[in-house]
Amino acid sequence: MQVLKNLEINPTWILTKPPSKSGRGLKLNSNPVMKYAADKNWKCCTSIEKVNNVDLLLVVSYGNIIPDEMLNCKFGCLNLHPSFLPRYRGATPIQRAIMSGDREVGVSWIKLTSDLDAGPILCQDKVLVNYQDKNENYDSIKMKIAESGSDLINKHLEQYINSELKLTEQFGETTWANRITKEERVIDLNRTAKQCNNLIKALDPYPGARCKFNNEWITFKKSSFSLTQNINPGEVELKGNSLVVGTSKGILLIDTITPQGKRPMSGRDFLNSRPNAKFS
């Protein structure tokens, strides 16, 4: 969505997913892309079969298979992928990069082929991740990548159309960003504070990284860490309004804690309601 807002071109039409049903009455709700296109008086399609006479297709987070006839249109189909391809091909590249603790997360503008995320690269850029900023998370990094990606399109689209941009085949080791499993959401406090912090930021705001307290799942958000202080894994203290949680090396500082089925609360409120808290 942010890429669309930042583009300096007026598309002929927008292709997006159809409205979804929600609420008790299962009312149809148009997605944000449809609403934005309507505000701009752009034609909006929800079925690729209804699209024809295409010269160029720009793709961002579409999520559906694009037929070969669309890939082979006059100028082809160009896709923004949020990684340094061929690293992190697949569905969750940003989350996997953050979980790995990458200091830089890439964005690649590629020409799509029939193989997943395997096309030649037009250009790339990077954004930096601040793992000590409690407000840094998946959403904030995705926003940085969207701004960087739209800059790439605005800067280089005309060069591509005029055949002035050299395409480079992907090289190096291919890695895959598979979907996050339920088991991967669990924070292992026997790992280091840095590794736990990476997981929290990768899964904040959704689906959330979590720990077990008694028989209750607790989700952590807005985190940072320190490797210079230590308490036993799972033990907790209070620092200001932040919950301090021990790991195998260093501590986590958590500002927002959400008990299962309840509203988010501060570390202080959580510890006041559970004075003998210890995570497993």
C-alpha atoms as a PDB file:
ATOM      1  CA  MET A   1       0.000   0.000   0.000  1.00  0.00           C
ATOM      2  CA  GLN A   2       2.807   2.415   0.928  1.00  0.00           C
ATOM      3  CA  VAL A   3       4.561   1.696  -2.381  1.00  0.00           C
ATOM      4  CA  LEU A   4       1.387   2.620  -4.251  1.00  0.00           C
ATOM      5  CA  LYS A   5       1.084   5.916  -2.372  1.00  0.00           C
ATOM      6  CA  ASN A   6       4.683   6.866  -3.153  1.00  0.00           C
ATOM      7  CA  LEU A   7       4.607   6.098  -6.883  1.00  0.00           C
ATOM      8  CA  GLU A   8       5.071   9.030  -9.243  1.00  0.00           C
ATOM      9  CA  ILE A   9       3.140   7.348 -12.066  1.00  0.00           C
ATOM     10  CA  ASN A  10      -0.581   6.939 -12.721  1.00  0.00           C
ATOM     11  CA  PRO A  11      -1.364   3.280 -13.432  1.00  0.00           C
ATOM     12  CA  THR A  12      -3.973   2.324 -16.006  1.00  0.00           C
ATOM     13  CA  TRP A  13      -5.536  -0.040 -13.502  1.00  0.00           C
ATOM     14  CA  ILE A  14      -4.906  -1.720 -10.166  1.00  0.00           C
ATOM     15  CA  LEU A  15      -5.194  -5.479  -9.682  1.00  0.00           C
ATOM     16  CA  THR A  16      -5.859  -6.553  -6.095  1.00  0.00           C
ATOM     17  CA  LYS A  17      -7.590  -9.269  -4.106  1.00  0.00           C
ATOM     18  CA  PRO A  18     -11.415  -9.272  -4.002  1.00  0.00           C
ATOM     19  CA  PRO A  19     -13.344  -7.917  -0.995  1.00  0.00           C
ATOM     20  CA  SER A  20     -13.403 -10.151   2.068  1.00  0.00           C
ATOM     21  CA  LYS A  21     -16.327 -10.929   4.354  1.00  0.00           C
ATOM     22  CA  SER A  22     -16.089  -9.996   8.029  1.00  0.00           C
ATOM     23  CA  GLY A  23     -18.249  -9.311  11.067  1.00  0.00           C
ATOM     24  CA  ARG A  24     -21.411 -11.023  12.227  1.00  0.00           C
ATOM     25  CA  GLY A  25     -23.281 -10.014   9.109  1.00  0.00           C
ATOM     26  CA  LEU A  26     -20.395 -11.184   6.899  1.00  0.00           C
ATOM     27  CA  LYS A  27     -20.390  -7.871   5.080  1.00  0.00           C
ATOM     28  CA  LEU A  28     -18.080  -7.411   2.115  1.00  0.00           C
ATOM     29  CA  ASN A  29     -15.221  -5.058   2.964  1.00  0.00           C
ATOM     30  CA  SER A  30     -12.988  -3.630   0.262  1.00  0.00           C
ATOM     31  CA  ASN A  31      -9.280  -3.784   1.068  1.00  0.00           C
ATOM     32  CA  PRO A  32      -7.181  -0.594   1.507  1.00  0.00           C
ATOM     33  CA  VAL A  33      -5.819  -0.859  -2.048  1.00  0.00           C
ATOM     34  CA  MET A  34      -9.346  -0.816  -3.505  1.00  0.00           C
ATOM     35  CA  LYS A  35     -10.274   2.203  -1.375  1.00  0.00           C
ATOM     36  CA  TYR A  36      -7.142   4.085  -2.407  1.00  0.00           C
ATOM     37  CA  ALA A  37      -7.714   3.300  -6.100  1.00  0.00           C
ATOM     38  CA  ALA A  38     -11.305   4.552  -5.830  1.00  0.00           C
ATOM     39  CA  ASP A  39     -10.123   7.813  -4.238  1.00  0.00           C
ATOM     40  CA  LYS A  40      -7.720   8.281  -7.154  1.00  0.00           C
ATOM     41  CA  ASN A  41     -10.373   7.332  -9.745  1.00  0.00           C
ATOM     42  CA  TRP A  42      -8.185   4.457 -10.921  1.00  0.00           C
ATOM     43  CA  LYS A  43      -9.786   1.403 -12.463  1.00  0.00           C
ATOM     44  CA  CYS A  44      -9.587  -1.534 -10.041  1.00  0.00           C
ATOM     45  CA  CYS A  45      -9.780  -5.222 -10.986  1.00  0.00           C
ATOM     46  CA  THR A  46     -10.033  -8.241  -8.709  1.00  0.00           C
ATOM     47  CA  SER A  47      -9.642 -10.940 -11.360  1.00  0.00           C
ATOM     48  CA  ILE A  48      -6.555 -11.201 -13.522  1.00  0.00           C
ATOM     49  CA  GLU A  49      -8.606 -12.957 -16.216  1.00  0.00           C
ATOM     50  CA  LYS A  50     -10.420  -9.651 -16.861  1.00  0.00           C
ATOM     51  CA  VAL A  51      -7.175  -7.794 -17.576  1.00  0.00           C
ATOM     52  CA  ASN A  52      -5.946  -7.461 -21.159  1.00  0.00           C
ATOM     53  CA  ASN A  53      -3.810  -5.278 -23.431  1.00  0.00           C
ATOM     54  CA  VAL A  54      -1.067  -5.028 -20.817  1.00  0.00           C
ATOM     55  CA  ASP A  55       2.287  -3.410 -21.636  1.00  0.00           C
ATOM     56  CA  LEU A  56       3.849  -3.573 -18.168  1.00  0.00           C
ATOM     57  CA  LEU A  57       2.813  -5.109 -14.864  1.00  0.00           C
ATOM     58  CA  LEU A  58       4.210  -3.810 -11.539  1.00  0.00           C
ATOM     59  CA  VAL A  59       3.722  -6.279  -8.690  1.00  0.00           C
ATOM     60  CA  VAL A  60       3.984  -5.678  -4.934  1.00  0.00           C
ATOM     61  CA  SER A  61       2.802  -8.272  -2.371  1.00  0.00           C
ATOM     62  CA  TYR A  62       0.115  -9.639  -4.691  1.00  0.00           C
ATOM     63  CA  GLY A  63       0.199 -13.187  -3.313  1.00  0.00           C
ATOM     64  CA  ASN A  64      -1.442 -14.965  -6.262  1.00  0.00           C
ATOM     65  CA  ILE A  65       0.009 -16.778  -9.260  1.00  0.00           C
ATOM     66  CA  ILE A  66       0.401 -14.605 -12.347  1.00  0.00           C
ATOM     67  CA  PRO A  67      -0.244 -16.498 -15.619  1.00  0.00           C
ATOM     68  CA  ASP A  68       2.526 -16.852 -18.195  1.00  0.00           C
ATOM     69  CA  GLU A  69       0.756 -14.659 -20.746  1.00  0.00           C
ATOM     70  CA  MET A  70       0.961 -11.766 -18.283  1.00  0.00           C
ATOM     71  CA  LEU A  71       4.632 -12.468 -17.568  1.00  0.00           C
ATOM     72  CA  ASN A  72       5.301 -12.260 -21.301  1.00  0.00           C
ATOM     73  CA  CYS A  73       3.603  -8.910 -21.959  1.00  0.00           C
ATOM     74  CA  LYS A  74       5.506  -6.196 -23.875  1.00  0.00           C
ATOM     75  CA  PHE A  75       7.742  -4.982 -21.012  1.00  0.00           C
ATOM     76  CA  GLY A  76       7.214  -7.948 -18.729  1.00  0.00           C
ATOM     77  CA  CYS A  77       6.200  -8.175 -15.108  1.00  0.00           C
ATOM     78  CA  LEU A  78       8.334  -6.430 -12.460  1.00  0.00           C
ATOM     79  CA  ASN A  79       8.152  -7.378  -8.793  1.00  0.00           C
ATOM     80  CA  LEU A  80       9.454  -5.831  -5.569  1.00  0.00           C
ATOM     81  CA  HIS A  81      10.743  -8.535  -3.226  1.00  0.00           C
ATOM     82  CA  PRO A  82      11.848  -7.554   0.310  1.00  0.00           C
ATOM     83  CA  SER A  83      15.231  -9.304   0.486  1.00  0.00           C
ATOM     84  CA  PHE A  84      18.662  -9.464  -1.101  1.00  0.00           C
ATOM     85  CA  LEU A  85      17.758 -12.177  -3.595  1.00  0.00           C
ATOM     86  CA  PRO A  86      18.520 -15.046  -3.883  1.00  0.00           C
ATOM     87  CA  ARG A  87      18.440 -14.950  -0.065  1.00  0.00           C
ATOM     88  CA  TYR A  88      15.022 -15.373   1.530  1.00  0.00           C
ATOM     89  CA  ARG A  89      12.954 -16.397  -1.456  1.00  0.00           C
ATOM     90  CA  GLY A  90       9.392 -17.167  -0.433  1.00  0.00           C
ATOM     91  CA  ALA A  91       6.587 -15.928   1.793  1.00  0.00           C
ATOM     92  CA  THR A  92       8.261 -14.413   4.888  1.00  0.00           C
ATOM     93  CA  PRO A  93      11.543 -12.735   3.864  1.00  0.00           C
ATOM     94  CA  ILE A  94      11.337  -9.783   6.275  1.00  0.00           C
ATOM     95  CA  GLN A  95      10.493 -11.930   9.283  1.00  0.00           C
ATOM     96  CA  ARG A  96      13.267 -14.419   8.483  1.00  0.00           C
ATOM     97  CA  ALA A  97      15.846 -11.649   8.073  1.00  0.00           C
ATOM     98  CA  ILE A  98      14.903 -10.147  11.455  1.00  0.00           C
ATOM     99  CA  MET A  99      14.864 -13.559  13.140  1.00  0.00           C
ATOM    100  CA  SER A 100      18.403 -14.082  11.829  1.00  0.00           C
ATOM    101  CA  GLY A 101      19.480 -10.726  13.251  1.00  0.00           C
ATOM    102  CA  ASP A 102      20.433  -9.218   9.876  1.00  0.00           C
ATOM    103  CA  ARG A 103      21.602  -5.623  10.344  1.00  0.00           C
ATOM    104  CA  GLU A 104      20.488  -4.809   6.799  1.00  0.00           C
ATOM    105  CA  VAL A 105      17.287  -5.954   5.107  1.00  0.00           C
ATOM    106  CA  GLY A 106      17.239  -5.764   1.342  1.00  0.00           C
ATOM    107  CA  VAL A 107      14.737  -4.976  -1.360  1.00  0.00           C
ATOM    108  CA  SER A 108      15.171  -6.386  -4.868  1.00  0.00           C
ATOM    109  CA  TRP A 109      13.339  -5.197  -7.977  1.00  0.00           C
ATOM    110  CA  ILE A 110      13.203  -8.168 -10.318  1.00  0.00           C
ATOM    111  CA  LYS A 111      11.657  -9.264 -13.588  1.00  0.00           C
ATOM    112  CA  LEU A 112       9.315 -12.131 -12.818  1.00  0.00           C
ATOM    113  CA  THR A 113       9.712 -15.554 -14.391  1.00  0.00           C
ATOM    114  CA  SER A 114       7.660 -18.710 -13.939  1.00  0.00           C
ATOM    115  CA  ASP A 115      10.003 -19.810 -11.112  1.00  0.00           C
ATOM    116  CA  LEU A 116       9.319 -18.330  -7.662  1.00  0.00           C
ATOM    117  CA  ASP A 117      11.369 -15.172  -6.944  1.00  0.00           C
ATOM    118  CA  ALA A 118      14.047 -16.349  -9.390  1.00  0.00           C
ATOM    119  CA  GLY A 119      14.007 -13.637 -12.076  1.00  0.00           C
ATOM    120  CA  PRO A 120      16.870 -11.320 -13.047  1.00  0.00           C
ATOM    121  CA  ILE A 121      17.516  -8.278 -10.853  1.00  0.00           C
ATOM    122  CA  LEU A 122      17.047  -4.708 -12.094  1.00  0.00           C
ATOM    123  CA  CYS A 123      18.354  -3.033  -8.925  1.00  0.00           C
ATOM    124  CA  GLN A 124      18.546  -3.425  -5.154  1.00  0.00           C
ATOM    125  CA  ASP A 125      18.585  -1.278  -2.028  1.00  0.00           C
ATOM    126  CA  LYS A 126      18.823  -1.839   1.715  1.00  0.00           C
ATOM    127  CA  VAL A 127      17.346  -0.565   4.961  1.00  0.00           C
ATOM    128  CA  LEU A 128      18.923  -0.730   8.420  1.00  0.00           C
ATOM    129  CA  VAL A 129      17.373  -2.463  11.431  1.00  0.00           C
ATOM    130  CA  ASN A 130      17.784  -1.014  14.934  1.00  0.00           C
ATOM    131  CA  TYR A 131      17.377  -3.936  17.309  1.00  0.00           C
ATOM    132  CA  GLN A 132      17.688  -1.712  20.401  1.00  0.00           C
ATOM    133  CA  ASP A 133      14.769   0.526  19.408  1.00  0.00           C
ATOM    134  CA  LYS A 134      11.679  -0.804  21.182  1.00  0.00           C
ATOM    135  CA  ASN A 135       9.457   0.648  18.443  1.00  0.00           C
ATOM    136  CA  GLU A 136      11.347  -1.193  15.699  1.00  0.00           C
ATOM    137  CA  ASN A 137       9.388  -4.226  14.545  1.00  0.00           C
ATOM    138  CA  TYR A 138       8.143  -6.015  11.439  1.00  0.00           C
ATOM    139  CA  ASP A 139       5.726  -3.195  10.567  1.00  0.00           C
ATOM    140  CA  SER A 140       8.299  -0.396  10.888  1.00  0.00           C
ATOM    141  CA  ILE A 141      10.835  -2.305   8.795  1.00  0.00           C
ATOM    142  CA  LYS A 142       8.193  -3.146   6.178  1.00  0.00           C
ATOM    143  CA  MET A 143       7.409   0.576   5.942  1.00  0.00           C
ATOM    144  CA  LYS A 144      11.093   1.413   5.374  1.00  0.00           C
ATOM    145  CA  ILE A 145      11.284  -1.242   2.658  1.00  0.00           C
ATOM    146  CA  ALA A 146       8.134   0.096   0.968  1.00  0.00           C
ATOM    147  CA  GLU A 147       9.622   3.595   0.836  1.00  0.00           C
ATOM    148  CA  SER A 148      12.910   2.251  -0.515  1.00  0.00           C
ATOM    149  CA  GLY A 149      11.124   0.086  -3.088  1.00  0.00           C
ATOM    150  CA  SER A 150       8.962   2.921  -4.389  1.00  0.00           C
ATOM    151  CA  ASP A 151      12.109   5.052  -4.712  1.00  0.00           C
ATOM    152  CA  LEU A 152      13.669   2.321  -6.873  1.00  0.00           C
ATOM    153  CA  ILE A 153      10.625   2.267  -9.156  1.00  0.00           C
ATOM    154  CA  ASN A 154      10.421   6.062  -9.432  1.00  0.00           C
ATOM    155  CA  LYS A 155      14.135   6.349 -10.151  1.00  0.00           C
ATOM    156  CA  HIS A 156      14.634   3.464 -12.562  1.00  0.00           C
ATOM    157  CA  LEU A 157      11.331   2.696 -14.342  1.00  0.00           C
ATOM    158  CA  GLU A 158      11.995   5.006 -17.289  1.00  0.00           C
ATOM    159  CA  GLN A 159      15.505   3.577 -17.642  1.00  0.00           C
ATOM    160  CA  TYR A 160      14.029   0.082 -17.802  1.00  0.00           C
ATOM    161  CA  ILE A 161      11.423   1.056 -20.412  1.00  0.00           C
ATOM    162  CA  ASN A 162      14.193   2.616 -22.535  1.00  0.00           C
ATOM    163  CA  SER A 163      16.406  -0.496 -22.183  1.00  0.00           C
ATOM    164  CA  GLU A 164      18.997   1.534 -20.268  1.00  0.00           C
ATOM    165  CA  LEU A 165      18.955  -0.667 -17.173  1.00  0.00           C
ATOM    166  CA  LYS A 166      21.098  -3.798 -17.143  1.00  0.00           C
ATOM    167  CA  LEU A 167      19.444  -6.896 -15.724  1.00  0.00           C
ATOM    168  CA  THR A 168      21.649  -9.181 -13.626  1.00  0.00           C
ATOM    169  CA  GLU A 169      20.979 -12.856 -13.039  1.00  0.00           C
ATOM    170  CA  GLN A 170      20.770 -13.846  -9.384  1.00  0.00           C
ATOM    171  CA  PHE A 171      23.927 -15.415  -7.961  1.00  0.00           C
ATOM    172  CA  GLY A 172      25.027 -16.841  -4.618  1.00  0.00           C
ATOM    173  CA  GLU A 173      23.382 -19.271  -2.222  1.00  0.00           C
ATOM    174  CA  THR A 174      19.600 -19.529  -2.415  1.00  0.00           C
ATOM    175  CA  THR A 175      17.799 -19.602   0.932  1.00  0.00           C
ATOM    176  CA  TRP A 176      14.080 -19.910   1.570  1.00  0.00           C
ATOM    177  CA  ALA A 177      11.773 -17.919   3.829  1.00  0.00           C
ATOM    178  CA  ASN A 178       9.125 -20.473   4.737  1.00  0.00           C
ATOM    179  CA  ARG A 179       5.975 -19.543   6.612  1.00  0.00           C
ATOM    180  CA  ILE A 180       6.291 -19.136  10.380  1.00  0.00           C
ATOM    181  CA  THR A 181       5.128 -22.216  12.268  1.00  0.00           C
ATOM    182  CA  LYS A 182       3.287 -22.256  15.587  1.00  0.00           C
ATOM    183  CA  GLU A 183       6.327 -23.846  17.217  1.00  0.00           C
ATOM    184  CA  GLU A 184       8.643 -21.080  15.995  1.00  0.00           C
ATOM    185  CA  ARG A 185       6.578 -18.456  17.817  1.00  0.00           C
ATOM    186  CA  VAL A 186       7.698 -19.788  21.209  1.00  0.00           C
ATOM    187  CA  ILE A 187      10.510 -17.784  22.861  1.00  0.00           C
ATOM    188  CA  ASP A 188      13.245 -20.099  24.161  1.00  0.00           C
ATOM    189  CA  LEU A 189      14.734 -18.280  27.156  1.00  0.00           C
ATOM    190  CA  ASN A 190      17.650 -20.727  27.124  1.00  0.00           C
ATOM    191  CA  ARG A 191      18.866 -18.859  24.054  1.00  0.00           C
ATOM    192  CA  THR A 192      20.571 -15.454  24.239  1.00  0.00           C
ATOM    193  CA  ALA A 193      18.716 -12.200  24.834  1.00  0.00           C
ATOM    194  CA  LYS A 194      19.736 -11.045  21.359  1.00  0.00           C
ATOM    195  CA  GLN A 195      18.198 -14.113  19.698  1.00  0.00           C
ATOM    196  CA  CYS A 196      14.992 -13.769  21.737  1.00  0.00           C
ATOM    197  CA  ASN A 197      14.772 -10.064  20.898  1.00  0.00           C
ATOM    198  CA  ASN A 198      15.145 -10.873  17.183  1.00  0.00           C
ATOM    199  CA  LEU A 199      12.174 -13.232  17.351  1.00  0.00           C
ATOM    200  CA  ILE A 200       9.978 -10.751  19.230  1.00  0.00           C
ATOM    201  CA  LYS A 201      10.618  -7.996  16.677  1.00  0.00           C
ATOM    202  CA  ALA A 202      10.117 -10.318  13.699  1.00  0.00           C
ATOM    203  CA  LEU A 203       6.663 -11.365  14.928  1.00  0.00           C
ATOM    204  CA  ASP A 204       5.498  -7.975  16.265  1.00  0.00           C
ATOM    205  CA  PRO A 205       2.666  -7.075  15.756  1.00  0.00           C
ATOM    206  CA  TYR A 206       1.472 -10.372  14.259  1.00  0.00           C
ATOM    207  CA  PRO A 207       1.312 -13.247  15.081  1.00  0.00           C
ATOM    208  CA  GLY A 208       3.410 -12.420  18.164  1.00  0.00           C
ATOM    209  CA  ALA A 209       6.253 -14.227  19.952  1.00  0.00           C
ATOM    210  CA  ARG A 210       5.203 -15.788  23.224  1.00  0.00           C
ATOM    211  CA  CYS A 211       6.279 -17.483  26.464  1.00  0.00           C
ATOM    212  CA  LYS A 212       4.487 -19.837  28.838  1.00  0.00           C
ATOM    213  CA  PHE A 213       3.543 -18.630  32.328  1.00  0.00           C
ATOM    214  CA  ASN A 214       1.929 -21.464  34.305  1.00  0.00           C
ATOM    215  CA  ASN A 215      -0.649 -22.643  31.745  1.00  0.00           C
ATOM    216  CA  GLU A 216      -1.041 -19.229  30.127  1.00  0.00           C
ATOM    217  CA  TRP A 217       0.535 -17.966  26.911  1.00  0.00           C
ATOM    218  CA  ILE A 218       2.030 -14.475  27.231  1.00  0.00           C
ATOM    219  CA  THR A 219       2.927 -12.430  24.125  1.00  0.00           C
ATOM    220  CA  PHE A 220       5.868 -10.010  24.241  1.00  0.00           C
ATOM    221  CA  LYS A 221       6.071  -6.806  22.174  1.00  0.00           C
ATOM    222  CA  LYS A 222       8.147  -3.606  22.175  1.00  0.00           C
ATOM    223  CA  SER A 223      11.424  -5.174  23.243  1.00  0.00           C
ATOM    224  CA  SER A 224      15.120  -4.430  23.566  1.00  0.00           C
ATOM    225  CA  PHE A 225      17.964  -6.327  25.223  1.00  0.00           C
ATOM    226  CA  SER A 226      21.202  -6.074  27.177  1.00  0.00           C
ATOM    227  CA  LEU A 227      24.076  -8.550  27.205  1.00  0.00           C
ATOM    228  CA  THR A 228      25.857  -6.844  30.112  1.00  0.00           C
ATOM    229  CA  GLN A 229      23.291  -7.804  32.772  1.00  0.00           C
ATOM    230  CA  ASN A 230      22.202 -11.300  33.739  1.00  0.00           C
ATOM    231  CA  ILE A 231      19.494 -13.036  35.737  1.00  0.00           C
ATOM    232  CA  ASN A 232      18.488 -16.691  35.479  1.00  0.00           C
ATOM    233  CA  PRO A 233      16.475 -17.716  32.395  1.00  0.00           C
ATOM    234  CA  GLY A 234      12.768 -17.108  32.970  1.00  0.00           C
ATOM    235  CA  GLU A 235      13.192 -15.036  36.120  1.00  0.00           C
ATOM    236  CA  VAL A 236      11.768 -11.505  36.054  1.00  0.00           C
ATOM    237  CA  GLU A 237      12.437  -8.099  37.553  1.00  0.00           C
ATOM    238  CA  LEU A 238      11.073  -4.606  37.009  1.00  0.00           C
ATOM    239  CA  LYS A 239      12.923  -1.655  35.522  1.00  0.00           C
ATOM    240  CA  GLY A 240      10.695   1.414  35.328  1.00  0.00           C
ATOM    241  CA  ASN A 241       7.589   0.150  33.547  1.00  0.00           C
ATOM    242  CA  SER A 242       9.538  -2.498  31.618  1.00  0.00           C
ATOM    243  CA  LEU A 243       9.552  -6.177  32.470  1.00  0.00           C
ATOM    244  CA  VAL A 244      13.089  -7.577  32.704  1.00  0.00           C
ATOM    245  CA  VAL A 245      13.275 -11.254  31.679  1.00  0.00           C
ATOM    246  CA  GLY A 246      16.353 -13.428  32.110  1.00  0.00           C
ATOM    247  CA  THR A 247      17.839 -15.536  29.306  1.00  0.00           C
ATOM    248  CA  SER A 248      20.908 -17.767  28.984  1.00  0.00           C
ATOM    249  CA  LYS A 249      22.978 -14.684  28.182  1.00  0.00           C
ATOM    250  CA  GLY A 250      21.704 -11.193  28.939  1.00  0.00           C
ATOM    251  CA  ILE A 251      18.247  -9.817  29.650  1.00  0.00           C
ATOM    252  CA  LEU A 252      15.172  -8.816  27.686  1.00  0.00           C
ATOM    253  CA  LEU A 253      13.397  -5.534  28.430  1.00  0.00           C
ATOM    254  CA  ILE A 254       9.723  -5.783  27.477  1.00  0.00           C
ATOM    255  CA  ASP A 255       7.372  -2.787  27.424  1.00  0.00           C
ATOM    256  CA  THR A 256       4.151  -4.509  26.285  1.00  0.00           C
ATOM    257  CA  ILE A 257       2.877  -7.826  27.598  1.00  0.00           C
ATOM    258  CA  THR A 258      -0.365  -9.421  26.422  1.00  0.00           C
ATOM    259  CA  PRO A 259      -1.743 -12.335  28.472  1.00  0.00           C
ATOM    260  CA  GLN A 260      -3.762 -14.851  26.492  1.00  0.00           C
ATOM    261  CA  GLY A 261      -7.260 -13.521  25.785  1.00  0.00           C
ATOM    262  CA  LYS A 262      -6.599 -10.193  27.518  1.00  0.00           C
ATOM    263  CA  ARG A 263      -5.597  -6.657  26.665  1.00  0.00           C
ATOM    264  CA  PRO A 264      -1.975  -5.473  26.393  1.00  0.00           C
ATOM    265  CA  MET A 265      -0.423  -4.133  29.597  1.00  0.00           C
ATOM    266  CA  SER A 266       2.846  -2.665  30.826  1.00  0.00           C
ATOM    267  CA  GLY A 267       5.512  -4.729  32.517  1.00  0.00           C
ATOM    268  CA  ARG A 268       4.677  -3.063  35.828  1.00  0.00           C
ATOM    269  CA  ASP A 269       0.968  -3.928  35.567  1.00  0.00           C
ATOM    270  CA  PHE A 270       1.800  -7.498  34.584  1.00  0.00           C
ATOM    271  CA  LEU A 271       4.124  -8.020  37.544  1.00  0.00           C
ATOM    272  CA  ASN A 272       1.710  -6.356  39.970  1.00  0.00           C
ATOM    273  CA  SER A 273      -0.976  -8.861  38.967  1.00  0.00           C
ATOM    274  CA  ARG A 274       1.460 -11.816  39.024  1.00  0.00           C
ATOM    275  CA  PRO A 275       4.023 -11.015  41.738  1.00  0.00           C
ATOM    276  CA  ASN A 276       5.770 -14.407  41.594  1.00  0.00           C
ATOM    277  CA  ALA A 277       5.950 -14.608  37.821  1.00  0.00           C
ATOM    278  CA  LYS A 278       8.514 -16.874  36.187  1.00  0.00           C
ATOM    279  CA  PHE A 279       8.469 -17.888  32.539  1.00  0.00           C
ATOM    280  CA  SER A 280       9.215 -21.316  31.169  1.00  0.00           C
END
